[in-house]
Amino acid sequence: GRNKVTGVTRDDSSVQLTVETPDGP
């Protein structure tokens, strides 16, 4: 909980996520 996705990048083999939390990203 309280893990907010704020960034998404992707390539052919994976997806990269930036996740914001009460302790920072």
mmCIF file of all heavy atoms, coordinates in Angstrom:
data_MODEL
# 
_entry.id   MODEL 
# 
loop_
_atom_site.group_PDB 
_atom_site.id 
_atom_site.type_symbol 
_atom_site.label_atom_id 
_atom_site.label_alt_id 
_atom_site.label_comp_id 
_atom_site.label_asym_id 
_atom_site.label_entity_id 
_atom_site.label_seq_id 
_atom_site.pdbx_PDB_ins_code 
_atom_site.Cartn_x 
_atom_site.Cartn_y 
_atom_site.Cartn_z 
_atom_site.occupancy 
_atom_site.B_iso_or_equiv 
_atom_site.pdbx_formal_charge 
_atom_site.auth_seq_id 
_atom_site.auth_comp_id 
_atom_site.auth_asym_id 
_atom_site.auth_atom_id 
_atom_site.pdbx_PDB_model_num 
ATOM 1   N N   . GLY A 1 1  ? 0.810  -1.198 0.000   1.00 0.00 ? 1  GLY A N   1 
ATOM 2   C CA  . GLY A 1 1  ? 0.000  0.000  0.000   1.00 0.00 ? 1  GLY A CA  1 
ATOM 3   C C   . GLY A 1 1  ? 0.843  1.247  0.000   1.00 0.00 ? 1  GLY A C   1 
ATOM 4   O O   . GLY A 1 1  ? 2.015  1.238  0.397   1.00 0.00 ? 1  GLY A O   1 
ATOM 5   N N   . ARG A 1 2  ? 0.238  2.342  -0.452  1.00 0.00 ? 2  ARG A N   1 
ATOM 6   C CA  . ARG A 1 2  ? 0.880  3.656  -0.552  1.00 0.00 ? 2  ARG A CA  1 
ATOM 7   C C   . ARG A 1 2  ? 2.169  3.563  -1.353  1.00 0.00 ? 2  ARG A C   1 
ATOM 8   O O   . ARG A 1 2  ? 3.179  4.187  -1.035  1.00 0.00 ? 2  ARG A O   1 
ATOM 9   C CB  . ARG A 1 2  ? 1.092  4.251  0.834   1.00 0.00 ? 2  ARG A CB  1 
ATOM 10  C CG  . ARG A 1 2  ? -0.220 4.448  1.610   1.00 0.00 ? 2  ARG A CG  1 
ATOM 11  C CD  . ARG A 1 2  ? -0.002 5.081  2.943   1.00 0.00 ? 2  ARG A CD  1 
ATOM 12  N NE  . ARG A 1 2  ? 0.420  6.487  2.803   1.00 0.00 ? 2  ARG A NE  1 
ATOM 13  C CZ  . ARG A 1 2  ? 0.839  7.234  3.824   1.00 0.00 ? 2  ARG A CZ  1 
ATOM 14  N NH1 . ARG A 1 2  ? 0.889  6.716  5.041   1.00 0.00 ? 2  ARG A NH1 1 
ATOM 15  N NH2 . ARG A 1 2  ? 1.191  8.495  3.624   1.00 0.00 ? 2  ARG A NH2 1 
ATOM 16  N N   . ASN A 1 3  ? 2.117  2.765  -2.415  1.00 0.00 ? 3  ASN A N   1 
ATOM 17  C CA  . ASN A 1 3  ? 3.185  2.651  -3.401  1.00 0.00 ? 3  ASN A CA  1 
ATOM 18  C C   . ASN A 1 3  ? 2.621  3.141  -4.721  1.00 0.00 ? 3  ASN A C   1 
ATOM 19  O O   . ASN A 1 3  ? 1.938  2.401  -5.432  1.00 0.00 ? 3  ASN A O   1 
ATOM 20  C CB  . ASN A 1 3  ? 3.663  1.201  -3.528  1.00 0.00 ? 3  ASN A CB  1 
ATOM 21  C CG  . ASN A 1 3  ? 4.721  0.823  -2.514  1.00 0.00 ? 3  ASN A CG  1 
ATOM 22  O OD1 . ASN A 1 3  ? 5.831  0.441  -2.859  1.00 0.00 ? 3  ASN A OD1 1 
ATOM 23  N ND2 . ASN A 1 3  ? 4.372  0.927  -1.242  1.00 0.00 ? 3  ASN A ND2 1 
ATOM 24  N N   . LYS A 1 4  ? 2.878  4.385  -5.047  1.00 0.00 ? 4  LYS A N   1 
ATOM 25  C CA  . LYS A 1 4  ? 2.296  5.033  -6.220  1.00 0.00 ? 4  LYS A CA  1 
ATOM 26  C C   . LYS A 1 4  ? 3.289  5.023  -7.377  1.00 0.00 ? 4  LYS A C   1 
ATOM 27  O O   . LYS A 1 4  ? 4.410  5.537  -7.250  1.00 0.00 ? 4  LYS A O   1 
ATOM 28  C CB  . LYS A 1 4  ? 1.913  6.464  -5.880  1.00 0.00 ? 4  LYS A CB  1 
ATOM 29  C CG  . LYS A 1 4  ? 1.269  7.221  -7.030  1.00 0.00 ? 4  LYS A CG  1 
ATOM 30  C CD  . LYS A 1 4  ? 0.896  8.638  -6.603  1.00 0.00 ? 4  LYS A CD  1 
ATOM 31  C CE  . LYS A 1 4  ? 0.240  9.398  -7.755  1.00 0.00 ? 4  LYS A CE  1 
ATOM 32  N NZ  . LYS A 1 4  ? -0.137 10.776 -7.336  1.00 0.00 ? 4  LYS A NZ  1 
ATOM 33  N N   . VAL A 1 5  ? 2.893  4.452  -8.496  1.00 0.00 ? 5  VAL A N   1 
ATOM 34  C CA  . VAL A 1 5  ? 3.752  4.423  -9.675  1.00 0.00 ? 5  VAL A CA  1 
ATOM 35  C C   . VAL A 1 5  ? 3.739  5.804  -10.327 1.00 0.00 ? 5  VAL A C   1 
ATOM 36  O O   . VAL A 1 5  ? 2.682  6.321  -10.697 1.00 0.00 ? 5  VAL A O   1 
ATOM 37  C CB  . VAL A 1 5  ? 3.290  3.344  -10.672 1.00 0.00 ? 5  VAL A CB  1 
ATOM 38  C CG1 . VAL A 1 5  ? 4.136  3.398  -11.936 1.00 0.00 ? 5  VAL A CG1 1 
ATOM 39  C CG2 . VAL A 1 5  ? 3.392  1.965  -10.032 1.00 0.00 ? 5  VAL A CG2 1 
ATOM 40  N N   . THR A 1 6  ? 4.922  6.392  -10.467 1.00 0.00 ? 6  THR A N   1 
ATOM 41  C CA  . THR A 1 6  ? 5.037  7.736  -11.040 1.00 0.00 ? 6  THR A CA  1 
ATOM 42  C C   . THR A 1 6  ? 5.866  7.758  -12.323 1.00 0.00 ? 6  THR A C   1 
ATOM 43  O O   . THR A 1 6  ? 5.996  8.808  -12.953 1.00 0.00 ? 6  THR A O   1 
ATOM 44  C CB  . THR A 1 6  ? 5.659  8.700  -10.022 1.00 0.00 ? 6  THR A CB  1 
ATOM 45  O OG1 . THR A 1 6  ? 6.932  8.190  -9.596  1.00 0.00 ? 6  THR A OG1 1 
ATOM 46  C CG2 . THR A 1 6  ? 4.749  8.881  -8.810  1.00 0.00 ? 6  THR A CG2 1 
ATOM 47  N N   . GLY A 1 7  ? 6.434  6.620  -12.694 1.00 0.00 ? 7  GLY A N   1 
ATOM 48  C CA  . GLY A 1 7  ? 7.218  6.572  -13.920 1.00 0.00 ? 7  GLY A CA  1 
ATOM 49  C C   . GLY A 1 7  ? 7.221  5.176  -14.504 1.00 0.00 ? 7  GLY A C   1 
ATOM 50  O O   . GLY A 1 7  ? 7.269  4.189  -13.762 1.00 0.00 ? 7  GLY A O   1 
ATOM 51  N N   . VAL A 1 8  ? 7.135  5.073  -15.821 1.00 0.00 ? 8  VAL A N   1 
ATOM 52  C CA  . VAL A 1 8  ? 7.160  3.793  -16.524 1.00 0.00 ? 8  VAL A CA  1 
ATOM 53  C C   . VAL A 1 8  ? 8.045  3.927  -17.762 1.00 0.00 ? 8  VAL A C   1 
ATOM 54  O O   . VAL A 1 8  ? 7.837  4.835  -18.578 1.00 0.00 ? 8  VAL A O   1 
ATOM 55  C CB  . VAL A 1 8  ? 5.752  3.340  -16.967 1.00 0.00 ? 8  VAL A CB  1 
ATOM 56  C CG1 . VAL A 1 8  ? 5.829  2.018  -17.723 1.00 0.00 ? 8  VAL A CG1 1 
ATOM 57  C CG2 . VAL A 1 8  ? 4.815  3.219  -15.787 1.00 0.00 ? 8  VAL A CG2 1 
ATOM 58  N N   . THR A 1 9  ? 9.025  3.065  -17.878 1.00 0.00 ? 9  THR A N   1 
ATOM 59  C CA  . THR A 1 9  ? 9.779  2.914  -19.125 1.00 0.00 ? 9  THR A CA  1 
ATOM 60  C C   . THR A 1 9  ? 9.834  1.424  -19.431 1.00 0.00 ? 9  THR A C   1 
ATOM 61  O O   . THR A 1 9  ? 9.650  0.588  -18.540 1.00 0.00 ? 9  THR A O   1 
ATOM 62  C CB  . THR A 1 9  ? 11.206 3.489  -19.016 1.00 0.00 ? 9  THR A CB  1 
ATOM 63  O OG1 . THR A 1 9  ? 11.909 2.822  -17.943 1.00 0.00 ? 9  THR A OG1 1 
ATOM 64  C CG2 . THR A 1 9  ? 11.179 4.987  -18.751 1.00 0.00 ? 9  THR A CG2 1 
ATOM 65  N N   . ARG A 1 10 ? 10.091 1.093  -20.679 1.00 0.00 ? 10 ARG A N   1 
ATOM 66  C CA  . ARG A 1 10 ? 10.076 -0.319 -21.049 1.00 0.00 ? 10 ARG A CA  1 
ATOM 67  C C   . ARG A 1 10 ? 10.991 -0.557 -22.229 1.00 0.00 ? 10 ARG A C   1 
ATOM 68  O O   . ARG A 1 10 ? 11.304 0.360  -23.000 1.00 0.00 ? 10 ARG A O   1 
ATOM 69  C CB  . ARG A 1 10 ? 8.649  -0.774 -21.380 1.00 0.00 ? 10 ARG A CB  1 
ATOM 70  C CG  . ARG A 1 10 ? 8.000  -0.016 -22.521 1.00 0.00 ? 10 ARG A CG  1 
ATOM 71  C CD  . ARG A 1 10 ? 6.494  -0.228 -22.579 1.00 0.00 ? 10 ARG A CD  1 
ATOM 72  N NE  . ARG A 1 10 ? 5.868  0.629  -23.580 1.00 0.00 ? 10 ARG A NE  1 
ATOM 73  C CZ  . ARG A 1 10 ? 5.538  0.243  -24.807 1.00 0.00 ? 10 ARG A CZ  1 
ATOM 74  N NH1 . ARG A 1 10 ? 5.765  -1.007 -25.190 1.00 0.00 ? 10 ARG A NH1 1 
ATOM 75  N NH2 . ARG A 1 10 ? 4.984  1.081  -25.653 1.00 0.00 ? 10 ARG A NH2 1 
ATOM 76  N N   . ASP A 1 11 ? 11.406 -1.813 -22.331 1.00 0.00 ? 11 ASP A N   1 
ATOM 77  C CA  . ASP A 1 11 ? 12.145 -2.264 -23.504 1.00 0.00 ? 11 ASP A CA  1 
ATOM 78  C C   . ASP A 1 11 ? 11.606 -3.640 -23.883 1.00 0.00 ? 11 ASP A C   1 
ATOM 79  O O   . ASP A 1 11 ? 10.552 -4.049 -23.397 1.00 0.00 ? 11 ASP A O   1 
ATOM 80  C CB  . ASP A 1 11 ? 13.660 -2.276 -23.235 1.00 0.00 ? 11 ASP A CB  1 
ATOM 81  C CG  . ASP A 1 11 ? 14.033 -3.074 -21.978 1.00 0.00 ? 11 ASP A CG  1 
ATOM 82  O OD1 . ASP A 1 11 ? 13.385 -4.133 -21.731 1.00 0.00 ? 11 ASP A OD1 1 
ATOM 83  O OD2 . ASP A 1 11 ? 14.959 -2.669 -21.261 1.00 0.00 ? 11 ASP A OD2 1 
ATOM 84  N N   . ASP A 1 12 ? 12.318 -4.344 -24.729 1.00 0.00 ? 12 ASP A N   1 
ATOM 85  C CA  . ASP A 1 12 ? 11.804 -5.616 -25.219 1.00 0.00 ? 12 ASP A CA  1 
ATOM 86  C C   . ASP A 1 12 ? 11.794 -6.711 -24.161 1.00 0.00 ? 12 ASP A C   1 
ATOM 87  O O   . ASP A 1 12 ? 11.098 -7.719 -24.328 1.00 0.00 ? 12 ASP A O   1 
ATOM 88  C CB  . ASP A 1 12 ? 12.643 -6.098 -26.416 1.00 0.00 ? 12 ASP A CB  1 
ATOM 89  C CG  . ASP A 1 12 ? 12.432 -5.231 -27.646 1.00 0.00 ? 12 ASP A CG  1 
ATOM 90  O OD1 . ASP A 1 12 ? 11.404 -4.524 -27.695 1.00 0.00 ? 12 ASP A OD1 1 
ATOM 91  O OD2 . ASP A 1 12 ? 13.303 -5.255 -28.542 1.00 0.00 ? 12 ASP A OD2 1 
ATOM 92  N N   . SER A 1 13 ? 12.540 -6.542 -23.086 1.00 0.00 ? 13 SER A N   1 
ATOM 93  C CA  . SER A 1 13 ? 12.670 -7.630 -22.108 1.00 0.00 ? 13 SER A CA  1 
ATOM 94  C C   . SER A 1 13 ? 12.147 -7.298 -20.721 1.00 0.00 ? 13 SER A C   1 
ATOM 95  O O   . SER A 1 13 ? 12.042 -8.192 -19.879 1.00 0.00 ? 13 SER A O   1 
ATOM 96  C CB  . SER A 1 13 ? 14.140 -8.047 -21.991 1.00 0.00 ? 13 SER A CB  1 
ATOM 97  O OG  . SER A 1 13 ? 14.937 -6.958 -21.525 1.00 0.00 ? 13 SER A OG  1 
ATOM 98  N N   . SER A 1 14 ? 11.795 -6.036 -20.436 1.00 0.00 ? 14 SER A N   1 
ATOM 99  C CA  . SER A 1 14 ? 11.358 -5.706 -19.083 1.00 0.00 ? 14 SER A CA  1 
ATOM 100 C C   . SER A 1 14 ? 10.628 -4.370 -19.068 1.00 0.00 ? 14 SER A C   1 
ATOM 101 O O   . SER A 1 14 ? 10.622 -3.622 -20.049 1.00 0.00 ? 14 SER A O   1 
ATOM 102 C CB  . SER A 1 14 ? 12.547 -5.652 -18.118 1.00 0.00 ? 14 SER A CB  1 
ATOM 103 O OG  . SER A 1 14 ? 13.399 -4.558 -18.433 1.00 0.00 ? 14 SER A OG  1 
ATOM 104 N N   . VAL A 1 15 ? 10.049 -4.078 -17.906 1.00 0.00 ? 15 VAL A N   1 
ATOM 105 C CA  . VAL A 1 15 ? 9.400  -2.798 -17.637 1.00 0.00 ? 15 VAL A CA  1 
ATOM 106 C C   . VAL A 1 15 ? 10.044 -2.221 -16.383 1.00 0.00 ? 15 VAL A C   1 
ATOM 107 O O   . VAL A 1 15 ? 10.228 -2.934 -15.388 1.00 0.00 ? 15 VAL A O   1 
ATOM 108 C CB  . VAL A 1 15 ? 7.884  -2.963 -17.426 1.00 0.00 ? 15 VAL A CB  1 
ATOM 109 C CG1 . VAL A 1 15 ? 7.214  -1.606 -17.249 1.00 0.00 ? 15 VAL A CG1 1 
ATOM 110 C CG2 . VAL A 1 15 ? 7.250  -3.736 -18.576 1.00 0.00 ? 15 VAL A CG2 1 
ATOM 111 N N   . GLN A 1 16 ? 10.382 -0.939 -16.425 1.00 0.00 ? 16 GLN A N   1 
ATOM 112 C CA  . GLN A 1 16 ? 10.994 -0.280 -15.282 1.00 0.00 ? 16 GLN A CA  1 
ATOM 113 C C   . GLN A 1 16 ? 9.993  0.706  -14.679 1.00 0.00 ? 16 GLN A C   1 
ATOM 114 O O   . GLN A 1 16 ? 9.368  1.498  -15.406 1.00 0.00 ? 16 GLN A O   1 
ATOM 115 C CB  . GLN A 1 16 ? 12.273 0.466  -15.685 1.00 0.00 ? 16 GLN A CB  1 
ATOM 116 C CG  . GLN A 1 16 ? 13.338 -0.416 -16.337 1.00 0.00 ? 16 GLN A CG  1 
ATOM 117 C CD  . GLN A 1 16 ? 13.072 -0.667 -17.818 1.00 0.00 ? 16 GLN A CD  1 
ATOM 118 O OE1 . GLN A 1 16 ? 12.713 0.260  -18.559 1.00 0.00 ? 16 GLN A OE1 1 
ATOM 119 N NE2 . GLN A 1 16 ? 13.223 -1.909 -18.253 1.00 0.00 ? 16 GLN A NE2 1 
ATOM 120 N N   . LEU A 1 17 ? 9.845  0.662  -13.358 1.00 0.00 ? 17 LEU A N   1 
ATOM 121 C CA  . LEU A 1 17 ? 8.871  1.493  -12.659 1.00 0.00 ? 17 LEU A CA  1 
ATOM 122 C C   . LEU A 1 17 ? 9.567  2.386  -11.643 1.00 0.00 ? 17 LEU A C   1 
ATOM 123 O O   . LEU A 1 17 ? 10.469 1.936  -10.926 1.00 0.00 ? 17 LEU A O   1 
ATOM 124 C CB  . LEU A 1 17 ? 7.845  0.633  -11.914 1.00 0.00 ? 17 LEU A CB  1 
ATOM 125 C CG  . LEU A 1 17 ? 7.017  -0.370 -12.721 1.00 0.00 ? 17 LEU A CG  1 
ATOM 126 C CD1 . LEU A 1 17 ? 6.083  -1.129 -11.788 1.00 0.00 ? 17 LEU A CD1 1 
ATOM 127 C CD2 . LEU A 1 17 ? 6.230  0.334  -13.802 1.00 0.00 ? 17 LEU A CD2 1 
ATOM 128 N N   . THR A 1 18 ? 9.130  3.629  -11.561 1.00 0.00 ? 18 THR A N   1 
ATOM 129 C CA  . THR A 1 18 ? 9.468  4.507  -10.442 1.00 0.00 ? 18 THR A CA  1 
ATOM 130 C C   . THR A 1 18 ? 8.270  4.523  -9.508  1.00 0.00 ? 18 THR A C   1 
ATOM 131 O O   . THR A 1 18 ? 7.135  4.759  -9.951  1.00 0.00 ? 18 THR A O   1 
ATOM 132 C CB  . THR A 1 18 ? 9.780  5.928  -10.924 1.00 0.00 ? 18 THR A CB  1 
ATOM 133 O OG1 . THR A 1 18 ? 10.852 5.884  -11.857 1.00 0.00 ? 18 THR A OG1 1 
ATOM 134 C CG2 . THR A 1 18 ? 10.172 6.817  -9.751  1.00 0.00 ? 18 THR A CG2 1 
ATOM 135 N N   . VAL A 1 19 ? 8.515  4.261  -8.225  1.00 0.00 ? 19 VAL A N   1 
ATOM 136 C CA  . VAL A 1 19 ? 7.432  4.119  -7.253  1.00 0.00 ? 19 VAL A CA  1 
ATOM 137 C C   . VAL A 1 19 ? 7.649  5.105  -6.109  1.00 0.00 ? 19 VAL A C   1 
ATOM 138 O O   . VAL A 1 19 ? 8.711  5.110  -5.480  1.00 0.00 ? 19 VAL A O   1 
ATOM 139 C CB  . VAL A 1 19 ? 7.377  2.675  -6.698  1.00 0.00 ? 19 VAL A CB  1 
ATOM 140 C CG1 . VAL A 1 19 ? 6.183  2.522  -5.763  1.00 0.00 ? 19 VAL A CG1 1 
ATOM 141 C CG2 . VAL A 1 19 ? 7.298  1.665  -7.836  1.00 0.00 ? 19 VAL A CG2 1 
ATOM 142 N N   . GLU A 1 20 ? 6.647  5.931  -5.853  1.00 0.00 ? 20 GLU A N   1 
ATOM 143 C CA  . GLU A 1 20 ? 6.715  6.912  -4.775  1.00 0.00 ? 20 GLU A CA  1 
ATOM 144 C C   . GLU A 1 20 ? 6.081  6.322  -3.520  1.00 0.00 ? 20 GLU A C   1 
ATOM 145 O O   . GLU A 1 20 ? 5.016  5.690  -3.585  1.00 0.00 ? 20 GLU A O   1 
ATOM 146 C CB  . GLU A 1 20 ? 5.980  8.189  -5.175  1.00 0.00 ? 20 GLU A CB  1 
ATOM 147 C CG  . GLU A 1 20 ? 6.147  9.330  -4.189  1.00 0.00 ? 20 GLU A CG  1 
ATOM 148 C CD  . GLU A 1 20 ? 7.584  9.829  -4.103  1.00 0.00 ? 20 GLU A CD  1 
ATOM 149 O OE1 . GLU A 1 20 ? 8.212  10.061 -5.160  1.00 0.00 ? 20 GLU A OE1 1 
ATOM 150 O OE2 . GLU A 1 20 ? 8.093  9.973  -2.966  1.00 0.00 ? 20 GLU A OE2 1 
ATOM 151 N N   . THR A 1 21 ? 6.738  6.505  -2.361  1.00 0.00 ? 21 THR A N   1 
ATOM 152 C CA  . THR A 1 21 ? 6.250  5.995  -1.081  1.00 0.00 ? 21 THR A CA  1 
ATOM 153 C C   . THR A 1 21 ? 6.397  7.081  -0.017  1.00 0.00 ? 21 THR A C   1 
ATOM 154 O O   . THR A 1 21 ? 7.036  8.111  -0.268  1.00 0.00 ? 21 THR A O   1 
ATOM 155 C CB  . THR A 1 21 ? 7.048  4.754  -0.639  1.00 0.00 ? 21 THR A CB  1 
ATOM 156 O OG1 . THR A 1 21 ? 8.329  5.164  -0.147  1.00 0.00 ? 21 THR A OG1 1 
ATOM 157 C CG2 . THR A 1 21 ? 7.214  3.758  -1.775  1.00 0.00 ? 21 THR A CG2 1 
ATOM 158 N N   . PRO A 1 22 ? 5.846  6.876  1.187   1.00 0.00 ? 22 PRO A N   1 
ATOM 159 C CA  . PRO A 1 22 ? 6.070  7.842  2.267   1.00 0.00 ? 22 PRO A CA  1 
ATOM 160 C C   . PRO A 1 22 ? 7.546  8.010  2.617   1.00 0.00 ? 22 PRO A C   1 
ATOM 161 O O   . PRO A 1 22 ? 7.925  9.036  3.206   1.00 0.00 ? 22 PRO A O   1 
ATOM 162 C CB  . PRO A 1 22 ? 5.289  7.234  3.440   1.00 0.00 ? 22 PRO A CB  1 
ATOM 163 C CG  . PRO A 1 22 ? 4.195  6.461  2.784   1.00 0.00 ? 22 PRO A CG  1 
ATOM 164 C CD  . PRO A 1 22 ? 4.828  5.866  1.559   1.00 0.00 ? 22 PRO A CD  1 
ATOM 165 N N   . ASP A 1 23 ? 8.387  7.035  2.273   1.00 0.00 ? 23 ASP A N   1 
ATOM 166 C CA  . ASP A 1 23 ? 9.829  7.135  2.529   1.00 0.00 ? 23 ASP A CA  1 
ATOM 167 C C   . ASP A 1 23 ? 10.609 7.618  1.314   1.00 0.00 ? 23 ASP A C   1 
ATOM 168 O O   . ASP A 1 23 ? 11.841 7.580  1.312   1.00 0.00 ? 23 ASP A O   1 
ATOM 169 C CB  . ASP A 1 23 ? 10.382 5.767  2.956   1.00 0.00 ? 23 ASP A CB  1 
ATOM 170 C CG  . ASP A 1 23 ? 9.928  5.368  4.348   1.00 0.00 ? 23 ASP A CG  1 
ATOM 171 O OD1 . ASP A 1 23 ? 9.672  6.282  5.166   1.00 0.00 ? 23 ASP A OD1 1 
ATOM 172 O OD2 . ASP A 1 23 ? 9.822  4.159  4.617   1.00 0.00 ? 23 ASP A OD2 1 
ATOM 173 N N   . GLY A 1 24 ? 9.899  8.060  0.284   1.00 0.00 ? 24 GLY A N   1 
ATOM 174 C CA  . GLY A 1 24 ? 10.580 8.517  -0.910  1.00 0.00 ? 24 GLY A CA  1 
ATOM 175 C C   . GLY A 1 24 ? 10.481 7.507  -2.037  1.00 0.00 ? 24 GLY A C   1 
ATOM 176 O O   . GLY A 1 24 ? 9.920  6.417  -1.888  1.00 0.00 ? 24 GLY A O   1 
ATOM 177 N N   . PRO A 1 25 ? 11.047 7.840  -3.199  1.00 0.00 ? 25 PRO A N   1 
ATOM 178 C CA  . PRO A 1 25 ? 10.910 6.976  -4.369  1.00 0.00 ? 25 PRO A CA  1 
ATOM 179 C C   . PRO A 1 25 ? 11.909 5.830  -4.382  1.00 0.00 ? 25 PRO A C   1 
ATOM 180 O O   . PRO A 1 25 ? 12.962 5.889  -3.749  1.00 0.00 ? 25 PRO A O   1 
ATOM 181 C CB  . PRO A 1 25 ? 11.170 7.934  -5.530  1.00 0.00 ? 25 PRO A CB  1 
ATOM 182 C CG  . PRO A 1 25 ? 12.118 8.946  -4.955  1.00 0.00 ? 25 PRO A CG  1 
ATOM 183 C CD  . PRO A 1 25 ? 11.723 9.108  -3.521  1.00 0.00 ? 25 PRO A CD  1 
# 
